[in-house]
């Protein structure tokens, strides 16, 4: 029976050691590219943006404002017209998939990673990661936090400061800590 690498364990949702040398190298590469993007002067912004987009699968019309941080980049998939405002962080130990026309306000944090509740496992340095899927035409408000394993339905709005730890139905507004549905959205009205 073949033993899985720590990266394979991470990508399959099993416990893994993020301290693994290959994972550390992958994170270092992503962080170096993010740093170059974040500090690039305006005259060099186009080249810095192209380097950043080499980390992940982004549509050609996606737009990310500095500062931006991610763990790996290779687990991020962006649909058409993706927009991330300043100070967005995506911890992508598992896939983070964005639909089309998604907007992230400043200070949004999206984290697929989590640590075990069991102290012995946690103290060994183990971690798990669960994918996050964000549908089409979703707006995530300023300072919102999206936790591991969450799916957000099409046309949903995540209020500023919300902590999303459960799936969000399509066509709803969620708010609060933890986030709860506060209203339905009628997408037929102007």
N, C-alpha and C. Protein backbone atom coordinates (compact mmCIF):
# COMPACT_ATOMS: atom_id res chain seq x y z
N UNK A 1 0.83 -1.18 0.00
CA UNK A 1 0.00 0.00 0.00
C UNK A 1 0.88 1.25 0.00
N UNK A 2 0.58 2.18 -0.87
CA UNK A 2 1.38 3.40 -1.01
C UNK A 2 1.02 4.40 0.08
N UNK A 3 2.04 4.99 0.66
CA UNK A 3 1.84 6.02 1.67
C UNK A 3 1.65 7.36 0.97
N UNK A 4 0.64 8.11 1.42
CA UNK A 4 0.39 9.43 0.83
C UNK A 4 1.41 10.44 1.33
N UNK A 5 1.76 11.38 0.46
CA UNK A 5 2.61 12.49 0.89
C UNK A 5 1.77 13.44 1.74
N UNK A 6 2.41 14.32 2.45
CA UNK A 6 1.67 15.31 3.26
C UNK A 6 0.81 16.20 2.36
N UNK A 7 1.30 16.52 1.18
CA UNK A 7 0.51 17.33 0.23
C UNK A 7 -0.73 16.57 -0.22
N UNK A 8 -0.57 15.28 -0.52
CA UNK A 8 -1.72 14.46 -0.92
C UNK A 8 -2.73 14.35 0.22
N UNK A 9 -2.23 14.22 1.44
CA UNK A 9 -3.14 14.18 2.61
C UNK A 9 -3.88 15.51 2.72
N UNK A 10 -3.17 16.62 2.57
CA UNK A 10 -3.78 17.94 2.67
C UNK A 10 -4.89 18.08 1.63
N UNK A 11 -4.59 17.71 0.40
CA UNK A 11 -5.54 17.89 -0.69
C UNK A 11 -6.73 16.94 -0.61
N UNK A 12 -6.59 15.84 0.15
CA UNK A 12 -7.69 14.88 0.28
C UNK A 12 -8.48 15.07 1.58
N UNK A 13 -8.17 16.13 2.35
CA UNK A 13 -8.93 16.44 3.55
C UNK A 13 -8.54 15.64 4.79
N UNK A 14 -7.42 14.95 4.73
CA UNK A 14 -6.94 14.18 5.87
C UNK A 14 -6.05 15.06 6.76
N UNK A 15 -5.75 14.56 7.97
CA UNK A 15 -4.77 15.25 8.79
C UNK A 15 -3.43 15.24 8.07
N UNK A 16 -2.74 16.37 8.13
CA UNK A 16 -1.42 16.49 7.50
C UNK A 16 -0.56 17.42 8.34
N UNK A 17 0.74 17.37 8.08
CA UNK A 17 1.69 18.25 8.77
C UNK A 17 2.05 19.41 7.85
N UNK A 18 1.57 20.62 8.12
CA UNK A 18 1.93 21.77 7.29
C UNK A 18 3.42 22.12 7.40
N UNK A 19 4.10 21.55 8.39
CA UNK A 19 5.54 21.79 8.55
C UNK A 19 6.37 20.99 7.56
N UNK A 20 5.73 20.14 6.75
CA UNK A 20 6.41 19.36 5.74
C UNK A 20 7.21 20.28 4.82
N UNK A 21 8.42 19.84 4.46
CA UNK A 21 9.34 20.67 3.68
C UNK A 21 8.75 21.12 2.34
N UNK A 22 8.09 20.22 1.64
CA UNK A 22 7.52 20.58 0.33
C UNK A 22 6.41 21.61 0.51
N UNK A 23 5.55 21.41 1.50
CA UNK A 23 4.49 22.39 1.75
C UNK A 23 5.07 23.73 2.18
N UNK A 24 6.13 23.71 2.97
CA UNK A 24 6.79 24.97 3.35
C UNK A 24 7.33 25.68 2.11
N UNK A 25 7.92 24.94 1.18
CA UNK A 25 8.45 25.53 -0.05
C UNK A 25 7.33 26.11 -0.90
N UNK A 26 6.22 25.37 -0.99
CA UNK A 26 5.07 25.87 -1.76
C UNK A 26 4.55 27.18 -1.17
N UNK A 27 4.44 27.23 0.15
CA UNK A 27 3.96 28.46 0.81
C UNK A 27 4.96 29.60 0.63
N UNK A 28 6.24 29.29 0.72
CA UNK A 28 7.26 30.32 0.56
C UNK A 28 7.20 30.94 -0.84
N UNK A 29 7.00 30.11 -1.85
CA UNK A 29 6.87 30.61 -3.23
C UNK A 29 5.67 31.55 -3.33
N UNK A 30 4.52 31.11 -2.83
CA UNK A 30 3.31 31.93 -2.91
C UNK A 30 3.49 33.24 -2.15
N UNK A 31 4.08 33.18 -0.98
CA UNK A 31 4.26 34.39 -0.17
C UNK A 31 5.24 35.35 -0.83
N UNK A 32 6.27 34.82 -1.49
CA UNK A 32 7.22 35.70 -2.18
C UNK A 32 6.54 36.43 -3.34
N UNK A 33 5.70 35.72 -4.10
CA UNK A 33 4.98 36.35 -5.21
C UNK A 33 3.99 37.38 -4.68
N UNK A 34 3.27 37.03 -3.61
CA UNK A 34 2.33 37.99 -3.00
C UNK A 34 3.08 39.23 -2.53
N UNK A 35 4.23 39.05 -1.91
CA UNK A 35 5.00 40.19 -1.42
C UNK A 35 5.41 41.10 -2.57
N UNK A 36 5.89 40.53 -3.67
CA UNK A 36 6.27 41.34 -4.83
C UNK A 36 5.07 42.11 -5.37
N UNK A 37 3.93 41.44 -5.46
CA UNK A 37 2.71 42.09 -5.92
C UNK A 37 2.33 43.24 -4.98
N UNK A 38 2.38 42.98 -3.69
CA UNK A 38 1.93 43.96 -2.70
C UNK A 38 2.79 45.21 -2.63
N UNK A 39 4.07 45.08 -2.93
CA UNK A 39 4.96 46.25 -2.81
C UNK A 39 5.32 46.89 -4.16
N UNK A 40 4.83 46.32 -5.25
CA UNK A 40 5.19 46.84 -6.57
C UNK A 40 4.70 48.27 -6.75
N UNK A 41 5.58 49.16 -7.23
CA UNK A 41 5.12 50.52 -7.54
C UNK A 41 4.14 50.48 -8.71
N UNK A 42 3.35 51.50 -8.84
CA UNK A 42 2.29 51.53 -9.86
C UNK A 42 2.84 51.26 -11.26
N UNK A 43 4.03 51.73 -11.56
CA UNK A 43 4.63 51.54 -12.89
C UNK A 43 4.91 50.06 -13.18
N UNK A 44 5.08 49.26 -12.14
CA UNK A 44 5.38 47.84 -12.30
C UNK A 44 4.19 46.94 -11.94
N UNK A 45 3.05 47.54 -11.70
CA UNK A 45 1.88 46.79 -11.22
C UNK A 45 1.41 45.73 -12.22
N UNK A 46 1.47 46.02 -13.53
CA UNK A 46 0.98 45.06 -14.53
C UNK A 46 1.80 43.76 -14.46
N UNK A 47 3.10 43.87 -14.41
CA UNK A 47 3.96 42.67 -14.32
C UNK A 47 3.75 41.95 -13.00
N UNK A 48 3.57 42.71 -11.93
CA UNK A 48 3.34 42.10 -10.61
C UNK A 48 2.00 41.36 -10.60
N UNK A 49 0.99 41.93 -11.24
CA UNK A 49 -0.33 41.30 -11.31
C UNK A 49 -0.24 39.99 -12.11
N UNK A 50 0.53 40.00 -13.19
CA UNK A 50 0.70 38.80 -14.00
C UNK A 50 1.40 37.70 -13.20
N UNK A 51 2.40 38.06 -12.42
CA UNK A 51 3.09 37.08 -11.57
C UNK A 51 2.13 36.51 -10.53
N UNK A 52 1.31 37.37 -9.95
CA UNK A 52 0.35 36.90 -8.95
C UNK A 52 -0.63 35.91 -9.58
N UNK A 53 -1.14 36.24 -10.76
CA UNK A 53 -2.10 35.36 -11.41
C UNK A 53 -1.50 34.03 -11.83
N UNK A 54 -0.16 33.95 -11.91
CA UNK A 54 0.49 32.67 -12.22
C UNK A 54 0.33 31.67 -11.08
N UNK A 55 -0.01 32.16 -9.89
CA UNK A 55 -0.19 31.28 -8.73
C UNK A 55 -1.46 30.45 -8.82
N UNK A 56 -2.50 31.00 -9.41
CA UNK A 56 -3.80 30.34 -9.38
C UNK A 56 -4.48 30.40 -10.74
N UNK A 57 -5.62 29.74 -10.81
CA UNK A 57 -6.40 29.75 -12.04
C UNK A 57 -7.37 30.92 -11.96
N UNK A 58 -7.03 31.98 -12.67
CA UNK A 58 -7.85 33.19 -12.66
C UNK A 58 -8.28 33.51 -14.09
N UNK A 59 -9.50 33.98 -14.22
CA UNK A 59 -9.94 34.42 -15.53
C UNK A 59 -9.16 35.68 -15.90
N UNK A 60 -8.99 35.95 -17.18
CA UNK A 60 -8.20 37.11 -17.57
C UNK A 60 -8.78 38.44 -17.09
N UNK A 61 -10.05 38.48 -16.78
CA UNK A 61 -10.65 39.74 -16.32
C UNK A 61 -10.87 39.77 -14.81
N UNK A 62 -10.12 38.96 -14.07
CA UNK A 62 -10.17 39.06 -12.61
C UNK A 62 -9.30 40.24 -12.18
N UNK A 63 -9.60 40.78 -11.01
CA UNK A 63 -8.85 41.94 -10.52
C UNK A 63 -8.66 41.82 -9.01
N UNK A 64 -7.42 41.95 -8.58
CA UNK A 64 -7.09 41.87 -7.16
C UNK A 64 -6.32 43.12 -6.79
N UNK A 65 -6.75 43.77 -5.72
CA UNK A 65 -6.05 44.95 -5.20
C UNK A 65 -5.01 44.50 -4.18
N UNK A 66 -3.90 45.22 -4.08
CA UNK A 66 -2.96 44.93 -3.01
C UNK A 66 -3.54 45.45 -1.69
N UNK A 67 -3.27 44.93 -0.59
CA UNK A 67 -2.47 43.76 -0.35
C UNK A 67 -3.34 42.52 -0.42
N UNK A 68 -2.69 41.44 -0.88
CA UNK A 68 -3.35 40.15 -1.03
C UNK A 68 -2.39 39.09 -0.53
N UNK A 69 -2.92 38.11 0.20
CA UNK A 69 -2.10 37.01 0.70
C UNK A 69 -2.82 35.69 0.48
N UNK A 70 -2.05 34.65 0.17
CA UNK A 70 -2.59 33.29 0.11
C UNK A 70 -1.50 32.34 0.58
N UNK A 71 -1.91 31.11 0.91
CA UNK A 71 -0.93 30.11 1.36
C UNK A 71 -0.23 29.42 0.20
N UNK A 72 -0.99 28.97 -0.78
CA UNK A 72 -0.42 28.18 -1.87
C UNK A 72 -0.74 28.76 -3.24
N UNK A 73 -1.94 29.24 -3.40
CA UNK A 73 -2.37 29.78 -4.69
C UNK A 73 -2.91 28.73 -5.63
N UNK A 74 -2.26 27.57 -5.70
CA UNK A 74 -2.67 26.56 -6.67
C UNK A 74 -4.02 25.93 -6.37
N UNK A 75 -4.60 26.20 -5.23
CA UNK A 75 -5.93 25.68 -4.90
C UNK A 75 -7.04 26.70 -5.12
N UNK A 76 -6.70 27.86 -5.67
CA UNK A 76 -7.68 28.94 -5.88
C UNK A 76 -8.11 28.96 -7.34
N UNK A 77 -9.43 28.95 -7.56
CA UNK A 77 -10.00 29.02 -8.91
C UNK A 77 -10.98 30.18 -8.95
N UNK A 78 -10.76 31.11 -9.85
CA UNK A 78 -11.60 32.31 -9.95
C UNK A 78 -12.39 32.32 -11.25
N UNK A 79 -13.68 32.60 -11.14
CA UNK A 79 -14.53 32.72 -12.32
C UNK A 79 -14.37 34.08 -12.98
N UNK A 80 -15.20 34.35 -13.96
CA UNK A 80 -15.17 35.62 -14.69
C UNK A 80 -15.54 36.77 -13.76
N UNK A 81 -14.92 37.91 -13.99
CA UNK A 81 -15.23 39.15 -13.29
C UNK A 81 -15.03 39.06 -11.78
N UNK A 82 -14.05 38.27 -11.34
CA UNK A 82 -13.72 38.19 -9.91
C UNK A 82 -13.06 39.49 -9.48
N UNK A 83 -13.44 39.99 -8.31
CA UNK A 83 -12.83 41.20 -7.77
C UNK A 83 -12.55 41.03 -6.28
N UNK A 84 -11.32 41.31 -5.88
CA UNK A 84 -10.93 41.29 -4.47
C UNK A 84 -10.36 42.66 -4.12
N UNK A 85 -10.97 43.33 -3.16
CA UNK A 85 -10.51 44.63 -2.71
C UNK A 85 -9.29 44.45 -1.80
N UNK A 86 -8.81 45.52 -1.20
CA UNK A 86 -7.58 45.51 -0.40
C UNK A 86 -7.67 44.57 0.80
N UNK A 87 -6.51 44.02 1.17
CA UNK A 87 -6.32 43.23 2.40
C UNK A 87 -7.13 41.95 2.45
N UNK A 88 -7.23 41.26 1.33
CA UNK A 88 -7.91 39.96 1.29
C UNK A 88 -6.87 38.87 1.57
N UNK A 89 -7.28 37.88 2.38
CA UNK A 89 -6.43 36.73 2.72
C UNK A 89 -7.21 35.47 2.38
N UNK A 90 -6.57 34.58 1.61
CA UNK A 90 -7.17 33.28 1.28
C UNK A 90 -6.18 32.19 1.69
N UNK A 91 -6.54 31.43 2.72
CA UNK A 91 -5.71 30.32 3.18
C UNK A 91 -6.23 29.07 2.48
N UNK A 92 -5.54 28.69 1.43
CA UNK A 92 -6.04 27.70 0.48
C UNK A 92 -5.34 26.35 0.57
N UNK A 93 -5.38 25.72 1.73
CA UNK A 93 -4.84 24.37 1.86
C UNK A 93 -5.74 23.36 1.15
N UNK A 94 -6.97 23.72 0.92
CA UNK A 94 -7.93 22.94 0.12
C UNK A 94 -8.47 23.87 -0.97
N UNK A 95 -9.17 23.34 -1.95
CA UNK A 95 -9.67 24.20 -3.02
C UNK A 95 -10.59 25.32 -2.52
N UNK A 96 -10.42 26.50 -3.10
CA UNK A 96 -11.32 27.63 -2.92
C UNK A 96 -11.78 27.99 -4.32
N UNK A 97 -13.06 27.75 -4.58
CA UNK A 97 -13.60 27.91 -5.93
C UNK A 97 -14.61 29.05 -5.93
N UNK A 98 -14.34 30.05 -6.76
CA UNK A 98 -15.22 31.21 -6.91
C UNK A 98 -15.96 31.10 -8.23
N UNK A 99 -17.27 31.35 -8.22
CA UNK A 99 -18.04 31.43 -9.44
C UNK A 99 -17.77 32.74 -10.16
N UNK A 100 -18.61 33.06 -11.13
CA UNK A 100 -18.48 34.30 -11.88
C UNK A 100 -19.07 35.46 -11.08
N UNK A 101 -18.54 36.66 -11.32
CA UNK A 101 -19.09 37.91 -10.77
C UNK A 101 -19.08 37.95 -9.24
N UNK A 102 -18.02 37.42 -8.65
CA UNK A 102 -17.87 37.44 -7.18
C UNK A 102 -17.09 38.68 -6.79
N UNK A 103 -17.55 39.36 -5.74
CA UNK A 103 -16.87 40.55 -5.23
C UNK A 103 -16.52 40.34 -3.76
N UNK A 104 -15.26 40.61 -3.40
CA UNK A 104 -14.81 40.56 -2.02
C UNK A 104 -14.46 41.98 -1.59
N UNK A 105 -15.06 42.43 -0.50
CA UNK A 105 -14.78 43.76 0.05
C UNK A 105 -13.43 43.72 0.79
N UNK A 106 -12.95 44.88 1.25
CA UNK A 106 -11.68 44.90 1.97
C UNK A 106 -11.72 44.02 3.23
N UNK A 107 -10.58 43.40 3.51
CA UNK A 107 -10.40 42.68 4.75
C UNK A 107 -11.09 41.34 4.85
N UNK A 108 -11.51 40.76 3.74
CA UNK A 108 -12.16 39.45 3.77
C UNK A 108 -11.10 38.37 4.05
N UNK A 109 -11.46 37.40 4.90
CA UNK A 109 -10.59 36.26 5.21
C UNK A 109 -11.34 34.99 4.86
N UNK A 110 -10.72 34.16 4.04
CA UNK A 110 -11.28 32.87 3.64
C UNK A 110 -10.26 31.81 4.03
N UNK A 111 -10.66 30.86 4.89
CA UNK A 111 -9.71 29.87 5.40
C UNK A 111 -10.25 28.46 5.29
N UNK A 112 -9.57 27.64 4.49
CA UNK A 112 -9.92 26.23 4.38
C UNK A 112 -9.29 25.41 5.50
N UNK A 113 -8.30 25.96 6.18
CA UNK A 113 -7.53 25.21 7.18
C UNK A 113 -8.18 25.26 8.56
N UNK A 114 -7.97 24.18 9.30
CA UNK A 114 -8.45 24.11 10.66
C UNK A 114 -7.51 23.20 11.45
N UNK A 115 -7.60 23.29 12.75
CA UNK A 115 -6.77 22.47 13.62
C UNK A 115 -7.66 21.52 14.42
N UNK A 116 -7.13 20.36 14.81
CA UNK A 116 -7.93 19.39 15.55
C UNK A 116 -8.39 19.93 16.91
N UNK A 117 -9.57 19.50 17.32
CA UNK A 117 -10.04 19.83 18.67
C UNK A 117 -9.23 19.07 19.72
N UNK A 118 -8.80 17.87 19.36
CA UNK A 118 -8.00 17.04 20.26
C UNK A 118 -6.63 17.68 20.47
N UNK A 119 -6.32 18.02 21.72
CA UNK A 119 -5.08 18.74 22.03
C UNK A 119 -3.83 17.96 21.64
N UNK A 120 -3.83 16.63 21.78
CA UNK A 120 -2.64 15.84 21.45
C UNK A 120 -2.31 15.96 19.96
N UNK A 121 -3.33 15.84 19.13
CA UNK A 121 -3.10 15.98 17.68
C UNK A 121 -2.70 17.41 17.34
N UNK A 122 -3.40 18.37 17.94
CA UNK A 122 -3.10 19.78 17.67
C UNK A 122 -1.67 20.11 18.08
N UNK A 123 -1.23 19.62 19.24
CA UNK A 123 0.12 19.91 19.72
C UNK A 123 1.21 19.24 18.88
N UNK A 124 0.84 18.20 18.13
CA UNK A 124 1.79 17.57 17.20
C UNK A 124 1.98 18.42 15.95
N UNK A 125 1.09 19.41 15.74
CA UNK A 125 1.20 20.27 14.58
C UNK A 125 0.33 19.84 13.41
N UNK A 126 -0.61 18.93 13.66
CA UNK A 126 -1.49 18.49 12.59
C UNK A 126 -2.52 19.55 12.24
N UNK A 127 -3.01 19.45 11.02
CA UNK A 127 -3.99 20.39 10.49
C UNK A 127 -4.89 19.61 9.52
N UNK A 128 -6.07 20.12 9.27
CA UNK A 128 -6.94 19.59 8.22
C UNK A 128 -7.40 20.77 7.35
N UNK A 129 -7.94 20.44 6.20
CA UNK A 129 -8.46 21.49 5.31
C UNK A 129 -9.67 20.95 4.56
N UNK A 130 -10.68 21.81 4.44
CA UNK A 130 -11.89 21.46 3.69
C UNK A 130 -12.18 22.55 2.68
N UNK A 131 -12.59 22.13 1.50
CA UNK A 131 -12.84 23.06 0.40
C UNK A 131 -13.94 24.06 0.72
N UNK A 132 -13.84 25.22 0.08
CA UNK A 132 -14.85 26.28 0.15
C UNK A 132 -15.28 26.56 -1.28
N UNK A 133 -16.60 26.61 -1.48
CA UNK A 133 -17.15 26.91 -2.80
C UNK A 133 -18.06 28.12 -2.69
N UNK A 134 -17.82 29.10 -3.54
CA UNK A 134 -18.59 30.34 -3.54
C UNK A 134 -19.23 30.47 -4.92
N UNK A 135 -20.56 30.54 -4.95
CA UNK A 135 -21.32 30.55 -6.20
C UNK A 135 -21.17 31.82 -7.01
N UNK A 136 -21.99 31.94 -8.03
CA UNK A 136 -21.99 33.10 -8.92
C UNK A 136 -22.66 34.30 -8.26
N UNK A 137 -22.19 35.49 -8.61
CA UNK A 137 -22.80 36.75 -8.19
C UNK A 137 -22.91 36.90 -6.68
N UNK A 138 -21.89 36.45 -5.98
CA UNK A 138 -21.85 36.56 -4.51
C UNK A 138 -21.07 37.81 -4.14
N UNK A 139 -21.57 38.53 -3.15
CA UNK A 139 -20.88 39.70 -2.60
C UNK A 139 -20.56 39.39 -1.14
N UNK A 140 -19.27 39.45 -0.81
CA UNK A 140 -18.82 39.21 0.57
C UNK A 140 -18.36 40.53 1.14
N UNK A 141 -19.03 40.99 2.19
CA UNK A 141 -18.80 42.30 2.77
C UNK A 141 -17.51 42.42 3.56
N UNK A 142 -17.18 43.66 3.86
CA UNK A 142 -15.94 44.03 4.53
C UNK A 142 -15.73 43.27 5.84
N UNK A 143 -14.55 42.67 5.96
CA UNK A 143 -14.16 42.01 7.20
C UNK A 143 -14.85 40.69 7.46
N UNK A 144 -15.60 40.18 6.50
CA UNK A 144 -16.26 38.88 6.69
C UNK A 144 -15.23 37.77 6.72
N UNK A 145 -15.57 36.69 7.42
CA UNK A 145 -14.70 35.52 7.53
C UNK A 145 -15.49 34.30 7.08
N UNK A 146 -14.89 33.53 6.16
CA UNK A 146 -15.51 32.33 5.64
C UNK A 146 -14.65 31.15 6.09
N UNK A 147 -15.25 30.20 6.83
CA UNK A 147 -14.50 29.09 7.40
C UNK A 147 -14.56 27.84 6.53
N UNK A 148 -13.72 26.89 6.87
CA UNK A 148 -13.53 25.66 6.11
C UNK A 148 -14.82 24.87 5.89
N UNK A 149 -14.93 24.31 4.69
CA UNK A 149 -16.04 23.43 4.36
C UNK A 149 -17.33 24.10 3.95
N UNK A 150 -17.35 25.42 3.86
CA UNK A 150 -18.58 26.17 3.58
C UNK A 150 -18.83 26.26 2.08
N UNK A 151 -20.12 26.18 1.72
CA UNK A 151 -20.57 26.46 0.36
C UNK A 151 -21.53 27.64 0.44
N UNK A 152 -21.31 28.63 -0.42
CA UNK A 152 -22.16 29.82 -0.48
C UNK A 152 -22.90 29.79 -1.81
N UNK A 153 -24.23 29.84 -1.76
CA UNK A 153 -25.05 29.74 -2.95
C UNK A 153 -25.02 31.00 -3.80
N UNK A 154 -25.47 30.86 -5.04
CA UNK A 154 -25.52 31.96 -6.00
C UNK A 154 -26.31 33.14 -5.44
N UNK A 155 -25.85 34.32 -5.78
CA UNK A 155 -26.51 35.60 -5.47
C UNK A 155 -26.57 35.93 -3.98
N UNK A 156 -25.88 35.19 -3.15
CA UNK A 156 -25.90 35.46 -1.71
C UNK A 156 -25.09 36.71 -1.40
N UNK A 157 -25.44 37.34 -0.29
CA UNK A 157 -24.70 38.49 0.22
C UNK A 157 -24.29 38.16 1.64
N UNK A 158 -23.00 38.30 1.92
CA UNK A 158 -22.45 38.09 3.25
C UNK A 158 -22.20 39.46 3.84
N UNK A 159 -22.89 39.79 4.92
CA UNK A 159 -22.78 41.12 5.52
C UNK A 159 -21.39 41.37 6.08
N UNK A 160 -21.04 42.64 6.17
CA UNK A 160 -19.75 43.03 6.75
C UNK A 160 -19.62 42.45 8.15
N UNK A 161 -18.45 41.90 8.43
CA UNK A 161 -18.15 41.37 9.76
C UNK A 161 -18.74 40.01 10.07
N UNK A 162 -19.44 39.41 9.13
CA UNK A 162 -20.07 38.10 9.38
C UNK A 162 -19.01 37.01 9.52
N UNK A 163 -19.33 36.01 10.32
CA UNK A 163 -18.50 34.82 10.46
C UNK A 163 -19.31 33.64 9.93
N UNK A 164 -18.95 33.16 8.75
CA UNK A 164 -19.72 32.12 8.07
C UNK A 164 -19.09 30.77 8.37
N UNK A 165 -19.80 29.97 9.16
CA UNK A 165 -19.30 28.64 9.51
C UNK A 165 -20.24 27.52 9.06
N UNK A 166 -21.31 27.89 8.32
CA UNK A 166 -22.26 26.92 7.76
C UNK A 166 -22.60 27.35 6.34
N UNK A 167 -23.11 26.40 5.57
CA UNK A 167 -23.50 26.71 4.19
C UNK A 167 -24.52 27.84 4.17
N UNK A 168 -24.45 28.64 3.09
CA UNK A 168 -25.35 29.78 2.90
C UNK A 168 -26.23 29.49 1.69
N UNK A 169 -27.56 29.50 1.85
CA UNK A 169 -28.44 29.25 0.71
C UNK A 169 -28.34 30.36 -0.34
N UNK A 170 -28.64 30.01 -1.57
CA UNK A 170 -28.68 30.99 -2.65
C UNK A 170 -29.73 32.06 -2.33
N UNK A 171 -29.50 33.25 -2.86
CA UNK A 171 -30.48 34.35 -2.78
C UNK A 171 -30.83 34.74 -1.35
N UNK A 172 -29.83 34.74 -0.47
CA UNK A 172 -30.06 35.17 0.91
C UNK A 172 -28.99 36.16 1.34
N UNK A 173 -29.32 36.90 2.39
CA UNK A 173 -28.35 37.75 3.08
C UNK A 173 -28.10 37.10 4.43
N UNK A 174 -26.82 36.93 4.77
CA UNK A 174 -26.48 36.41 6.09
C UNK A 174 -25.66 37.46 6.82
N UNK A 175 -25.83 37.49 8.16
CA UNK A 175 -25.10 38.45 8.98
C UNK A 175 -24.90 37.85 10.36
N UNK A 176 -23.92 38.40 11.08
CA UNK A 176 -23.73 38.03 12.47
C UNK A 176 -22.58 37.07 12.71
N UNK A 177 -22.41 36.78 14.02
CA UNK A 177 -21.36 35.88 14.48
C UNK A 177 -22.01 34.88 15.44
N UNK A 178 -22.24 33.65 15.00
CA UNK A 178 -22.06 33.15 13.64
C UNK A 178 -23.16 33.70 12.72
N UNK A 179 -22.89 33.67 11.43
CA UNK A 179 -23.82 34.23 10.45
C UNK A 179 -25.10 33.40 10.37
N UNK A 180 -26.21 34.11 10.29
CA UNK A 180 -27.52 33.48 10.09
C UNK A 180 -28.24 34.23 8.97
N UNK A 181 -29.19 33.56 8.34
CA UNK A 181 -29.97 34.19 7.28
C UNK A 181 -30.85 35.27 7.91
N UNK A 182 -30.74 36.50 7.37
CA UNK A 182 -31.58 37.59 7.89
C UNK A 182 -32.65 38.01 6.88
N UNK A 183 -32.49 37.59 5.61
CA UNK A 183 -33.55 37.89 4.64
C UNK A 183 -33.29 37.15 3.34
N UNK A 184 -34.35 37.01 2.58
CA UNK A 184 -34.29 36.46 1.22
C UNK A 184 -34.06 37.64 0.27
N UNK A 185 -33.46 37.36 -0.88
CA UNK A 185 -33.23 38.38 -1.89
C UNK A 185 -34.14 38.09 -3.08
N UNK A 186 -34.88 39.10 -3.50
CA UNK A 186 -35.70 39.00 -4.69
C UNK A 186 -34.87 39.55 -5.85
N UNK A 187 -34.28 38.68 -6.64
CA UNK A 187 -33.40 39.12 -7.72
C UNK A 187 -34.16 39.61 -8.95
N UNK A 188 -35.49 39.59 -8.91
CA UNK A 188 -36.26 40.11 -10.04
C UNK A 188 -36.49 41.60 -9.95
N UNK A 189 -36.32 42.18 -8.75
CA UNK A 189 -36.54 43.62 -8.59
C UNK A 189 -35.27 44.38 -8.93
N UNK A 190 -35.42 45.62 -9.33
CA UNK A 190 -34.25 46.42 -9.74
C UNK A 190 -33.63 47.13 -8.57
